[in-house]
């Protein structure tokens, strides 16, 4: 059975990561790879509970960690075992950022996510503040944390998350800036080429 490949695309809201997820998936499918797209919070029972309520702090952190384990056991691992390239929109780094912004200590967040499996590749998408602000202003609805916390706060914590991933050997890492159409095309190409090379054993 062909081994799958687990890729996470993470980053600040407004950086274009979801658009990159969809474009990468489409191009990989065009190359005849099996691709499974997923996201966090999930649409499973715990993720649905999170989406339908306004939990905060430790309660939200615990629920997201539990939803992540559900995600791993019920979606990610089965899809990998079937030889899929699994692309997750958000993963552990989002907890490092969002739960810290919500008042939960980093050490606690790391502890409750200690059983999360390591991605083969984590792609962190960043963008300049003006571009992020422009994209966010075009959204009809903003989540609680998108309204409450500044660009600078979230950027600092995502850079911290990248350092934590590197320090703990949490998979291969790409750190990309996505400010315009040229960046977008180059970023998608870089991600697709790297995944293709890894799937071919290079």
N, C-alpha and C. Protein backbone atom coordinates (compact mmCIF):
# COMPACT_ATOMS: atom_id res chain seq x y z
N UNK A 1 0.85 -1.20 0.00
CA UNK A 1 0.00 0.00 0.00
C UNK A 1 0.88 1.25 0.00
N UNK A 2 0.56 2.19 -0.86
CA UNK A 2 1.35 3.42 -0.95
C UNK A 2 1.20 4.23 0.32
N UNK A 3 2.32 4.69 0.84
CA UNK A 3 2.30 5.54 2.03
C UNK A 3 1.74 6.91 1.67
N UNK A 4 0.88 7.42 2.54
CA UNK A 4 0.33 8.75 2.33
C UNK A 4 1.32 9.82 2.75
N UNK A 5 0.88 11.06 2.66
CA UNK A 5 1.72 12.20 3.01
C UNK A 5 0.83 13.21 3.72
N UNK A 6 1.23 13.62 4.92
CA UNK A 6 0.41 14.50 5.74
C UNK A 6 0.99 15.91 5.72
N UNK A 7 0.23 16.84 5.13
CA UNK A 7 0.66 18.23 5.05
C UNK A 7 -0.34 19.11 5.80
N UNK A 8 0.21 20.04 6.56
CA UNK A 8 -0.60 21.03 7.27
C UNK A 8 -0.29 22.40 6.70
N UNK A 9 -1.33 23.17 6.42
CA UNK A 9 -1.15 24.56 5.99
C UNK A 9 -1.80 25.44 7.05
N UNK A 10 -0.98 26.26 7.67
CA UNK A 10 -1.41 27.03 8.84
C UNK A 10 -0.97 28.48 8.68
N UNK A 11 -1.52 29.34 9.51
CA UNK A 11 -1.12 30.73 9.48
C UNK A 11 -2.23 31.66 9.91
N UNK A 12 -1.93 32.94 9.93
CA UNK A 12 -2.89 33.95 10.35
C UNK A 12 -4.10 33.98 9.43
N UNK A 13 -5.24 34.39 9.99
CA UNK A 13 -6.40 34.66 9.16
C UNK A 13 -6.08 35.78 8.20
N UNK A 14 -6.55 35.66 6.97
CA UNK A 14 -6.33 36.70 5.98
C UNK A 14 -5.06 36.56 5.18
N UNK A 15 -4.34 35.46 5.38
CA UNK A 15 -3.10 35.26 4.62
C UNK A 15 -3.33 34.47 3.34
N UNK A 16 -4.54 33.94 3.15
CA UNK A 16 -4.84 33.20 1.93
C UNK A 16 -4.56 31.72 2.00
N UNK A 17 -4.44 31.19 3.22
CA UNK A 17 -4.05 29.78 3.36
C UNK A 17 -5.11 28.83 2.82
N UNK A 18 -6.39 29.12 3.03
CA UNK A 18 -7.44 28.21 2.54
C UNK A 18 -7.46 28.18 1.02
N UNK A 19 -7.24 29.31 0.38
CA UNK A 19 -7.15 29.35 -1.07
C UNK A 19 -5.97 28.54 -1.57
N UNK A 20 -4.86 28.60 -0.84
CA UNK A 20 -3.68 27.81 -1.19
C UNK A 20 -3.98 26.32 -1.01
N UNK A 21 -4.65 25.95 0.08
CA UNK A 21 -5.03 24.55 0.29
C UNK A 21 -5.78 24.01 -0.92
N UNK A 22 -6.79 24.74 -1.37
CA UNK A 22 -7.63 24.27 -2.47
C UNK A 22 -6.86 24.20 -3.78
N UNK A 23 -5.99 25.16 -4.03
CA UNK A 23 -5.23 25.17 -5.28
C UNK A 23 -4.20 24.04 -5.30
N UNK A 24 -3.52 23.83 -4.18
CA UNK A 24 -2.55 22.74 -4.08
C UNK A 24 -3.24 21.40 -4.31
N UNK A 25 -4.40 21.22 -3.69
CA UNK A 25 -5.14 19.98 -3.84
C UNK A 25 -5.54 19.75 -5.29
N UNK A 26 -6.01 20.79 -5.96
CA UNK A 26 -6.43 20.65 -7.35
C UNK A 26 -5.27 20.25 -8.25
N UNK A 27 -4.12 20.87 -8.03
CA UNK A 27 -2.97 20.56 -8.88
C UNK A 27 -2.44 19.15 -8.63
N UNK A 28 -2.47 18.73 -7.38
CA UNK A 28 -2.03 17.37 -7.07
C UNK A 28 -2.98 16.34 -7.67
N UNK A 29 -4.26 16.63 -7.66
CA UNK A 29 -5.23 15.73 -8.29
C UNK A 29 -4.99 15.66 -9.79
N UNK A 30 -4.65 16.79 -10.40
CA UNK A 30 -4.34 16.82 -11.83
C UNK A 30 -3.11 15.97 -12.15
N UNK A 31 -2.25 15.76 -11.14
CA UNK A 31 -1.07 14.93 -11.30
C UNK A 31 -1.37 13.46 -10.93
N UNK A 32 -2.66 13.17 -10.74
CA UNK A 32 -3.15 11.81 -10.45
C UNK A 32 -2.82 11.32 -9.05
N UNK A 33 -2.60 12.25 -8.11
CA UNK A 33 -2.46 11.86 -6.72
C UNK A 33 -3.84 11.82 -6.07
N UNK A 34 -3.98 10.91 -5.11
CA UNK A 34 -5.17 10.87 -4.28
C UNK A 34 -5.02 11.93 -3.19
N UNK A 35 -5.99 12.81 -3.06
CA UNK A 35 -5.89 13.93 -2.11
C UNK A 35 -7.12 13.97 -1.22
N UNK A 36 -6.87 14.16 0.05
CA UNK A 36 -7.96 14.29 1.03
C UNK A 36 -7.79 15.63 1.74
N UNK A 37 -8.76 16.54 1.58
CA UNK A 37 -8.72 17.85 2.23
C UNK A 37 -9.54 17.80 3.51
N UNK A 38 -9.00 18.37 4.56
CA UNK A 38 -9.72 18.42 5.83
C UNK A 38 -9.37 19.72 6.54
N UNK A 39 -9.99 19.96 7.68
CA UNK A 39 -9.75 21.22 8.38
C UNK A 39 -10.07 21.08 9.86
N UNK A 40 -9.60 22.05 10.63
CA UNK A 40 -9.91 22.11 12.05
C UNK A 40 -10.50 23.48 12.40
N UNK A 41 -11.49 23.55 13.30
CA UNK A 41 -12.17 22.42 13.91
C UNK A 41 -12.85 21.55 12.84
N UNK A 42 -13.03 20.26 13.17
CA UNK A 42 -13.63 19.33 12.22
C UNK A 42 -15.14 19.52 12.18
N UNK A 43 -15.78 18.74 11.33
CA UNK A 43 -17.24 18.70 11.30
C UNK A 43 -17.76 17.46 12.03
N UNK A 44 -16.89 16.85 12.85
CA UNK A 44 -17.29 15.74 13.69
C UNK A 44 -18.06 16.24 14.90
N UNK A 45 -18.41 15.33 15.83
CA UNK A 45 -19.25 15.72 16.97
C UNK A 45 -18.63 16.79 17.86
N UNK A 46 -17.31 16.70 18.12
CA UNK A 46 -16.68 17.69 19.00
C UNK A 46 -16.50 19.01 18.26
N UNK A 47 -16.06 18.93 17.00
CA UNK A 47 -15.90 20.14 16.21
C UNK A 47 -17.21 20.89 16.02
N UNK A 48 -18.29 20.13 15.82
CA UNK A 48 -19.62 20.75 15.68
C UNK A 48 -20.03 21.45 16.97
N UNK A 49 -19.73 20.81 18.10
CA UNK A 49 -20.02 21.44 19.40
C UNK A 49 -19.27 22.76 19.53
N UNK A 50 -18.00 22.77 19.11
CA UNK A 50 -17.20 23.99 19.17
C UNK A 50 -17.82 25.07 18.29
N UNK A 51 -18.20 24.70 17.07
CA UNK A 51 -18.74 25.69 16.12
C UNK A 51 -20.07 26.28 16.58
N UNK A 52 -20.83 25.49 17.32
CA UNK A 52 -22.18 25.92 17.67
C UNK A 52 -22.26 26.62 19.02
N UNK A 53 -21.11 26.77 19.70
CA UNK A 53 -21.10 27.42 21.01
C UNK A 53 -19.95 28.41 21.10
N UNK A 54 -20.01 29.26 22.11
CA UNK A 54 -18.99 30.30 22.28
C UNK A 54 -18.11 29.96 23.48
N UNK A 55 -17.40 28.83 23.39
CA UNK A 55 -16.50 28.44 24.46
C UNK A 55 -15.26 29.34 24.45
N UNK A 56 -14.64 29.45 25.61
CA UNK A 56 -13.45 30.29 25.74
C UNK A 56 -12.41 29.59 26.61
N UNK A 57 -11.18 30.12 26.59
CA UNK A 57 -10.14 29.74 27.52
C UNK A 57 -9.83 28.25 27.57
N UNK A 58 -9.70 27.73 28.78
CA UNK A 58 -9.31 26.34 28.98
C UNK A 58 -10.33 25.37 28.39
N UNK A 59 -11.61 25.69 28.52
CA UNK A 59 -12.65 24.80 27.99
C UNK A 59 -12.49 24.67 26.48
N UNK A 60 -12.32 25.79 25.79
CA UNK A 60 -12.15 25.75 24.34
C UNK A 60 -10.86 25.01 23.98
N UNK A 61 -9.79 25.28 24.71
CA UNK A 61 -8.52 24.61 24.42
C UNK A 61 -8.63 23.10 24.55
N UNK A 62 -9.29 22.64 25.62
CA UNK A 62 -9.47 21.20 25.82
C UNK A 62 -10.33 20.59 24.71
N UNK A 63 -11.39 21.29 24.34
CA UNK A 63 -12.27 20.76 23.29
C UNK A 63 -11.55 20.69 21.95
N UNK A 64 -10.75 21.70 21.63
CA UNK A 64 -10.02 21.68 20.37
C UNK A 64 -9.00 20.55 20.35
N UNK A 65 -8.33 20.33 21.48
CA UNK A 65 -7.37 19.21 21.56
C UNK A 65 -8.08 17.88 21.39
N UNK A 66 -9.26 17.73 22.00
CA UNK A 66 -10.03 16.50 21.85
C UNK A 66 -10.52 16.33 20.41
N UNK A 67 -10.95 17.42 19.81
CA UNK A 67 -11.38 17.36 18.41
C UNK A 67 -10.23 16.97 17.50
N UNK A 68 -9.02 17.43 17.85
CA UNK A 68 -7.83 17.09 17.05
C UNK A 68 -7.55 15.58 17.13
N UNK A 69 -7.67 14.99 18.31
CA UNK A 69 -7.48 13.55 18.43
C UNK A 69 -8.53 12.79 17.63
N UNK A 70 -9.77 13.27 17.68
CA UNK A 70 -10.84 12.68 16.86
C UNK A 70 -10.48 12.80 15.38
N UNK A 71 -9.97 13.95 15.01
CA UNK A 71 -9.57 14.22 13.64
C UNK A 71 -8.49 13.23 13.18
N UNK A 72 -7.48 13.06 14.03
CA UNK A 72 -6.37 12.17 13.70
C UNK A 72 -6.85 10.72 13.54
N UNK A 73 -7.65 10.25 14.51
CA UNK A 73 -8.06 8.86 14.53
C UNK A 73 -9.10 8.53 13.46
N UNK A 74 -9.98 9.47 13.15
CA UNK A 74 -11.12 9.18 12.29
C UNK A 74 -10.99 9.70 10.86
N UNK A 75 -10.08 10.63 10.64
CA UNK A 75 -9.91 11.16 9.28
C UNK A 75 -8.48 11.03 8.78
N UNK A 76 -7.54 11.59 9.52
CA UNK A 76 -6.18 11.70 9.01
C UNK A 76 -5.53 10.34 8.83
N UNK A 77 -5.48 9.54 9.88
CA UNK A 77 -4.81 8.23 9.78
C UNK A 77 -5.49 7.32 8.76
N UNK A 78 -6.82 7.18 8.77
CA UNK A 78 -7.44 6.34 7.74
C UNK A 78 -7.14 6.80 6.31
N UNK A 79 -7.14 8.11 6.10
CA UNK A 79 -6.85 8.62 4.75
C UNK A 79 -5.40 8.36 4.36
N UNK A 80 -4.48 8.50 5.32
CA UNK A 80 -3.07 8.21 5.04
C UNK A 80 -2.87 6.73 4.73
N UNK A 81 -3.56 5.88 5.46
CA UNK A 81 -3.43 4.44 5.24
C UNK A 81 -3.94 4.01 3.86
N UNK A 82 -4.81 4.84 3.28
CA UNK A 82 -5.31 4.58 1.93
C UNK A 82 -4.44 5.22 0.86
N UNK A 83 -3.30 5.80 1.29
CA UNK A 83 -2.35 6.36 0.34
C UNK A 83 -2.64 7.77 -0.11
N UNK A 84 -3.51 8.48 0.62
CA UNK A 84 -3.84 9.86 0.26
C UNK A 84 -2.77 10.85 0.69
N UNK A 85 -2.67 11.93 -0.05
CA UNK A 85 -2.02 13.13 0.44
C UNK A 85 -3.09 13.87 1.25
N UNK A 86 -2.90 13.95 2.54
CA UNK A 86 -3.87 14.60 3.42
C UNK A 86 -3.43 16.04 3.65
N UNK A 87 -4.32 16.98 3.34
CA UNK A 87 -4.02 18.40 3.53
C UNK A 87 -4.98 18.95 4.57
N UNK A 88 -4.44 19.37 5.71
CA UNK A 88 -5.27 19.93 6.77
C UNK A 88 -5.11 21.45 6.84
N UNK A 89 -6.23 22.13 6.79
CA UNK A 89 -6.27 23.58 6.98
C UNK A 89 -6.32 23.83 8.48
N UNK A 90 -5.19 24.13 9.08
CA UNK A 90 -4.95 24.35 10.51
C UNK A 90 -4.62 23.03 11.21
N UNK A 91 -3.78 23.19 12.26
CA UNK A 91 -3.40 22.03 13.07
C UNK A 91 -2.88 22.56 14.41
N UNK A 92 -1.90 21.94 14.99
CA UNK A 92 -1.47 22.25 16.36
C UNK A 92 -1.01 23.70 16.51
N UNK A 93 -0.34 24.24 15.51
CA UNK A 93 0.15 25.62 15.61
C UNK A 93 -0.97 26.61 15.88
N UNK A 94 -2.14 26.36 15.32
CA UNK A 94 -3.28 27.24 15.57
C UNK A 94 -3.66 27.25 17.04
N UNK A 95 -3.50 26.09 17.70
CA UNK A 95 -3.76 26.05 19.15
C UNK A 95 -2.71 26.84 19.91
N UNK A 96 -1.43 26.70 19.51
CA UNK A 96 -0.38 27.47 20.17
C UNK A 96 -0.70 28.97 20.12
N UNK A 97 -1.27 29.40 19.01
CA UNK A 97 -1.56 30.83 18.84
C UNK A 97 -2.88 31.22 19.49
N UNK A 98 -3.97 30.59 19.04
CA UNK A 98 -5.31 31.03 19.45
C UNK A 98 -5.57 30.82 20.93
N UNK A 99 -5.13 29.68 21.47
CA UNK A 99 -5.38 29.44 22.89
C UNK A 99 -4.52 30.33 23.78
N UNK A 100 -3.31 30.65 23.35
CA UNK A 100 -2.52 31.63 24.12
C UNK A 100 -3.20 32.99 24.11
N UNK A 101 -3.72 33.40 22.96
CA UNK A 101 -4.43 34.67 22.88
C UNK A 101 -5.67 34.66 23.78
N UNK A 102 -6.19 33.46 24.03
CA UNK A 102 -7.39 33.30 24.85
C UNK A 102 -7.06 33.06 26.32
N UNK A 103 -5.78 33.28 26.69
CA UNK A 103 -5.40 33.24 28.09
C UNK A 103 -4.92 31.91 28.63
N UNK A 104 -4.65 30.95 27.75
CA UNK A 104 -4.21 29.62 28.19
C UNK A 104 -2.69 29.56 28.06
N UNK A 105 -1.98 29.12 29.09
CA UNK A 105 -0.51 29.06 29.04
C UNK A 105 -0.01 28.07 27.98
N UNK A 106 1.10 28.41 27.36
CA UNK A 106 1.67 27.58 26.31
C UNK A 106 1.95 26.16 26.81
N UNK A 107 2.48 26.04 28.01
CA UNK A 107 2.83 24.73 28.55
C UNK A 107 1.61 23.81 28.62
N UNK A 108 0.47 24.36 29.00
CA UNK A 108 -0.77 23.58 29.06
C UNK A 108 -1.21 23.17 27.66
N UNK A 109 -1.10 24.08 26.71
CA UNK A 109 -1.49 23.79 25.32
C UNK A 109 -0.62 22.66 24.77
N UNK A 110 0.67 22.73 25.03
CA UNK A 110 1.57 21.69 24.56
C UNK A 110 1.24 20.34 25.19
N UNK A 111 0.89 20.36 26.47
CA UNK A 111 0.58 19.12 27.18
C UNK A 111 -0.65 18.44 26.60
N UNK A 112 -1.72 19.18 26.37
CA UNK A 112 -2.97 18.56 25.91
C UNK A 112 -2.90 18.19 24.43
N UNK A 113 -1.88 18.67 23.72
CA UNK A 113 -1.71 18.30 22.31
C UNK A 113 -0.51 17.37 22.10
N UNK A 114 0.00 16.79 23.18
CA UNK A 114 1.22 15.99 23.11
C UNK A 114 1.06 14.74 22.26
N UNK A 115 -0.17 14.25 22.08
CA UNK A 115 -0.39 13.03 21.32
C UNK A 115 -0.74 13.28 19.85
N UNK A 116 -0.65 14.53 19.43
CA UNK A 116 -0.90 14.83 18.01
C UNK A 116 0.25 14.29 17.17
N UNK A 117 -0.07 13.63 16.06
CA UNK A 117 0.97 13.07 15.21
C UNK A 117 1.68 14.18 14.45
N UNK A 118 2.94 13.94 14.10
CA UNK A 118 3.73 14.94 13.39
C UNK A 118 3.38 14.95 11.91
N UNK A 119 3.14 16.12 11.33
CA UNK A 119 2.95 16.19 9.88
C UNK A 119 4.26 15.86 9.16
N UNK A 120 4.14 15.41 7.92
CA UNK A 120 5.34 15.28 7.09
C UNK A 120 5.84 16.66 6.68
N UNK A 121 4.91 17.58 6.47
CA UNK A 121 5.25 18.94 6.05
C UNK A 121 4.27 19.92 6.68
N UNK A 122 4.80 20.96 7.29
CA UNK A 122 3.98 22.06 7.80
C UNK A 122 4.35 23.32 7.03
N UNK A 123 3.34 23.93 6.42
CA UNK A 123 3.53 25.16 5.66
C UNK A 123 2.89 26.30 6.45
N UNK A 124 3.70 27.28 6.79
CA UNK A 124 3.20 28.45 7.50
C UNK A 124 3.07 29.61 6.50
N UNK A 125 1.85 30.12 6.39
CA UNK A 125 1.58 31.21 5.47
C UNK A 125 1.48 32.52 6.25
N UNK A 126 2.32 33.47 5.90
CA UNK A 126 2.30 34.79 6.50
C UNK A 126 2.05 35.83 5.41
N UNK A 127 1.70 37.04 5.81
CA UNK A 127 1.50 38.13 4.85
C UNK A 127 1.70 39.44 5.58
N UNK A 128 1.88 40.51 4.81
CA UNK A 128 2.08 41.83 5.40
C UNK A 128 0.79 42.34 6.03
N UNK A 129 0.93 43.19 7.03
CA UNK A 129 -0.22 43.66 7.79
C UNK A 129 -1.25 44.37 6.91
N UNK A 130 -0.81 45.22 6.00
CA UNK A 130 -1.76 45.95 5.16
C UNK A 130 -2.58 45.01 4.30
N UNK A 131 -1.94 43.98 3.78
CA UNK A 131 -2.65 43.02 2.93
C UNK A 131 -3.64 42.20 3.75
N UNK A 132 -3.23 41.77 4.94
CA UNK A 132 -4.13 41.02 5.80
C UNK A 132 -5.33 41.87 6.19
N UNK A 133 -5.10 43.13 6.55
CA UNK A 133 -6.20 44.03 6.94
C UNK A 133 -7.18 44.22 5.79
N UNK A 134 -6.66 44.35 4.58
CA UNK A 134 -7.53 44.52 3.41
C UNK A 134 -8.41 43.28 3.21
N UNK A 135 -7.80 42.11 3.29
CA UNK A 135 -8.57 40.88 3.08
C UNK A 135 -9.62 40.69 4.17
N UNK A 136 -9.25 40.98 5.42
CA UNK A 136 -10.19 40.80 6.51
C UNK A 136 -11.36 41.78 6.42
N UNK A 137 -11.10 42.97 5.91
CA UNK A 137 -12.17 43.97 5.78
C UNK A 137 -13.21 43.56 4.74
N UNK A 138 -12.85 42.64 3.86
CA UNK A 138 -13.76 42.18 2.82
C UNK A 138 -14.65 41.02 3.28
N UNK A 139 -14.41 40.51 4.48
CA UNK A 139 -15.20 39.40 4.99
C UNK A 139 -16.50 39.91 5.61
N UNK A 140 -17.58 39.15 5.40
CA UNK A 140 -18.87 39.54 5.95
C UNK A 140 -18.95 39.29 7.45
N UNK A 141 -18.25 38.27 7.93
CA UNK A 141 -18.33 37.90 9.34
C UNK A 141 -16.93 37.61 9.88
N UNK A 142 -16.66 38.12 11.07
CA UNK A 142 -15.39 37.85 11.73
C UNK A 142 -15.65 37.08 13.02
N UNK A 143 -14.80 36.08 13.28
CA UNK A 143 -14.89 35.32 14.53
C UNK A 143 -14.42 36.19 15.70
N UNK A 144 -14.73 35.73 16.91
CA UNK A 144 -14.40 36.50 18.12
C UNK A 144 -12.94 36.89 18.17
N UNK A 145 -12.03 35.94 17.93
CA UNK A 145 -10.60 36.24 18.04
C UNK A 145 -10.12 37.13 16.90
N UNK A 146 -10.77 37.04 15.75
CA UNK A 146 -10.38 37.90 14.63
C UNK A 146 -10.69 39.36 14.95
N UNK A 147 -11.69 39.58 15.78
CA UNK A 147 -12.05 40.94 16.17
C UNK A 147 -11.20 41.46 17.32
N UNK A 148 -10.75 40.55 18.19
CA UNK A 148 -10.15 40.98 19.46
C UNK A 148 -8.65 41.21 19.43
N UNK A 149 -7.95 40.48 18.59
CA UNK A 149 -6.50 40.48 18.70
C UNK A 149 -5.83 41.09 17.48
N UNK A 150 -4.69 41.73 17.73
CA UNK A 150 -4.03 42.50 16.69
C UNK A 150 -3.19 41.61 15.78
N UNK A 151 -2.89 42.14 14.62
CA UNK A 151 -2.00 41.47 13.68
C UNK A 151 -0.67 41.16 14.33
N UNK A 152 -0.12 42.12 15.06
CA UNK A 152 1.19 41.95 15.66
C UNK A 152 1.21 40.80 16.67
N UNK A 153 0.15 40.70 17.48
CA UNK A 153 0.08 39.62 18.47
C UNK A 153 0.07 38.26 17.79
N UNK A 154 -0.77 38.10 16.80
CA UNK A 154 -0.88 36.78 16.15
C UNK A 154 0.38 36.46 15.35
N UNK A 155 0.99 37.47 14.71
CA UNK A 155 2.21 37.23 13.95
C UNK A 155 3.33 36.74 14.87
N UNK A 156 3.49 37.39 16.02
CA UNK A 156 4.52 36.99 16.97
C UNK A 156 4.32 35.54 17.42
N UNK A 157 3.07 35.18 17.70
CA UNK A 157 2.80 33.83 18.19
C UNK A 157 2.94 32.77 17.09
N UNK A 158 2.63 33.12 15.84
CA UNK A 158 2.86 32.15 14.77
C UNK A 158 4.36 31.93 14.54
N UNK A 159 5.14 32.99 14.66
CA UNK A 159 6.59 32.82 14.54
C UNK A 159 7.13 31.99 15.71
N UNK A 160 6.54 32.15 16.88
CA UNK A 160 6.90 31.31 18.02
C UNK A 160 6.55 29.85 17.73
N UNK A 161 5.38 29.62 17.14
CA UNK A 161 4.95 28.25 16.80
C UNK A 161 5.92 27.60 15.82
N UNK A 162 6.39 28.37 14.85
CA UNK A 162 7.37 27.84 13.91
C UNK A 162 8.63 27.40 14.64
N UNK A 163 9.08 28.22 15.59
CA UNK A 163 10.27 27.87 16.37
C UNK A 163 10.05 26.61 17.19
N UNK A 164 8.87 26.46 17.76
CA UNK A 164 8.55 25.26 18.55
C UNK A 164 8.56 24.02 17.66
N UNK A 165 7.96 24.11 16.48
CA UNK A 165 7.96 22.99 15.55
C UNK A 165 9.39 22.58 15.22
N UNK A 166 10.22 23.57 14.93
CA UNK A 166 11.61 23.28 14.55
C UNK A 166 12.38 22.67 15.72
N UNK A 167 12.19 23.21 16.90
CA UNK A 167 12.92 22.73 18.07
C UNK A 167 12.55 21.29 18.42
N UNK A 168 11.32 20.90 18.09
CA UNK A 168 10.84 19.57 18.44
C UNK A 168 10.83 18.60 17.27
N UNK A 169 11.42 18.99 16.14
CA UNK A 169 11.47 18.11 14.98
C UNK A 169 10.10 17.70 14.50
N UNK A 170 9.16 18.65 14.52
CA UNK A 170 7.77 18.35 14.20
C UNK A 170 7.54 18.44 12.69
N UNK A 171 8.25 17.60 11.93
CA UNK A 171 8.09 17.55 10.48
C UNK A 171 8.88 18.62 9.74
N UNK A 172 8.91 18.49 8.43
CA UNK A 172 9.56 19.48 7.57
C UNK A 172 8.74 20.77 7.56
N UNK A 173 9.41 21.90 7.44
CA UNK A 173 8.73 23.20 7.56
C UNK A 173 9.03 24.09 6.37
N UNK A 174 7.98 24.74 5.87
CA UNK A 174 8.11 25.81 4.87
C UNK A 174 7.47 27.05 5.46
N UNK A 175 8.14 28.19 5.30
CA UNK A 175 7.63 29.46 5.79
C UNK A 175 7.52 30.40 4.60
N UNK A 176 6.27 30.74 4.19
CA UNK A 176 6.05 31.46 2.95
C UNK A 176 5.24 32.74 3.19
N UNK A 177 5.56 33.78 2.41
CA UNK A 177 4.78 35.02 2.44
C UNK A 177 3.86 35.06 1.22
N UNK A 178 2.62 35.49 1.45
CA UNK A 178 1.59 35.44 0.41
C UNK A 178 0.89 36.80 0.32
N UNK A 179 1.53 37.73 -0.39
CA UNK A 179 1.01 39.10 -0.44
C UNK A 179 0.32 39.46 -1.76
N UNK A 180 0.54 38.67 -2.81
CA UNK A 180 -0.02 39.04 -4.11
C UNK A 180 -0.14 37.80 -5.00
N UNK A 181 -0.61 38.00 -6.23
CA UNK A 181 -0.83 36.87 -7.13
C UNK A 181 0.47 36.16 -7.48
N UNK A 182 1.54 36.91 -7.62
CA UNK A 182 2.83 36.30 -7.93
C UNK A 182 3.30 35.41 -6.78
N UNK A 183 3.15 35.92 -5.55
CA UNK A 183 3.49 35.11 -4.37
C UNK A 183 2.65 33.84 -4.35
N UNK A 184 1.36 34.00 -4.61
CA UNK A 184 0.44 32.86 -4.56
C UNK A 184 0.88 31.77 -5.54
N UNK A 185 1.16 32.15 -6.76
CA UNK A 185 1.57 31.18 -7.76
C UNK A 185 2.88 30.50 -7.37
N UNK A 186 3.84 31.29 -6.92
CA UNK A 186 5.13 30.73 -6.52
C UNK A 186 4.99 29.80 -5.31
N UNK A 187 4.15 30.19 -4.36
CA UNK A 187 3.96 29.38 -3.16
C UNK A 187 3.31 28.04 -3.48
N UNK A 188 2.28 28.08 -4.31
CA UNK A 188 1.60 26.84 -4.69
C UNK A 188 2.56 25.92 -5.42
N UNK A 189 3.34 26.49 -6.32
CA UNK A 189 4.30 25.69 -7.08
C UNK A 189 5.35 25.06 -6.16
N UNK A 190 5.84 25.82 -5.21
CA UNK A 190 6.84 25.29 -4.27
C UNK A 190 6.27 24.13 -3.46
N UNK A 191 5.05 24.29 -2.97
CA UNK A 191 4.43 23.25 -2.16
C UNK A 191 4.19 21.99 -2.97
N UNK A 192 3.63 22.16 -4.16
CA UNK A 192 3.32 21.01 -5.02
C UNK A 192 4.60 20.27 -5.41
N UNK A 193 5.63 21.01 -5.78
CA UNK A 193 6.90 20.38 -6.18
C UNK A 193 7.53 19.61 -5.03
N UNK A 194 7.48 20.18 -3.83
CA UNK A 194 8.06 19.49 -2.68
C UNK A 194 7.30 18.21 -2.37
N UNK A 195 5.96 18.29 -2.37
CA UNK A 195 5.17 17.08 -2.10
C UNK A 195 5.43 16.03 -3.16
N UNK A 196 5.46 16.43 -4.41
CA UNK A 196 5.72 15.48 -5.50
C UNK A 196 7.07 14.80 -5.33
N UNK A 197 8.07 15.58 -4.95
CA UNK A 197 9.40 14.99 -4.77
C UNK A 197 9.43 14.01 -3.60
N UNK A 198 8.71 14.34 -2.52
CA UNK A 198 8.67 13.44 -1.36
C UNK A 198 7.89 12.16 -1.69
N UNK A 199 6.81 12.29 -2.43
CA UNK A 199 6.02 11.12 -2.80
C UNK A 199 6.81 10.20 -3.74
N UNK A 200 7.71 10.79 -4.50
CA UNK A 200 8.54 9.99 -5.41
C UNK A 200 9.80 9.45 -4.72
N UNK A 201 9.98 9.85 -3.46
CA UNK A 201 11.11 9.33 -2.68
C UNK A 201 12.38 10.10 -2.83
N UNK A 202 12.28 11.37 -3.27
CA UNK A 202 13.48 12.19 -3.43
C UNK A 202 13.70 13.06 -2.19
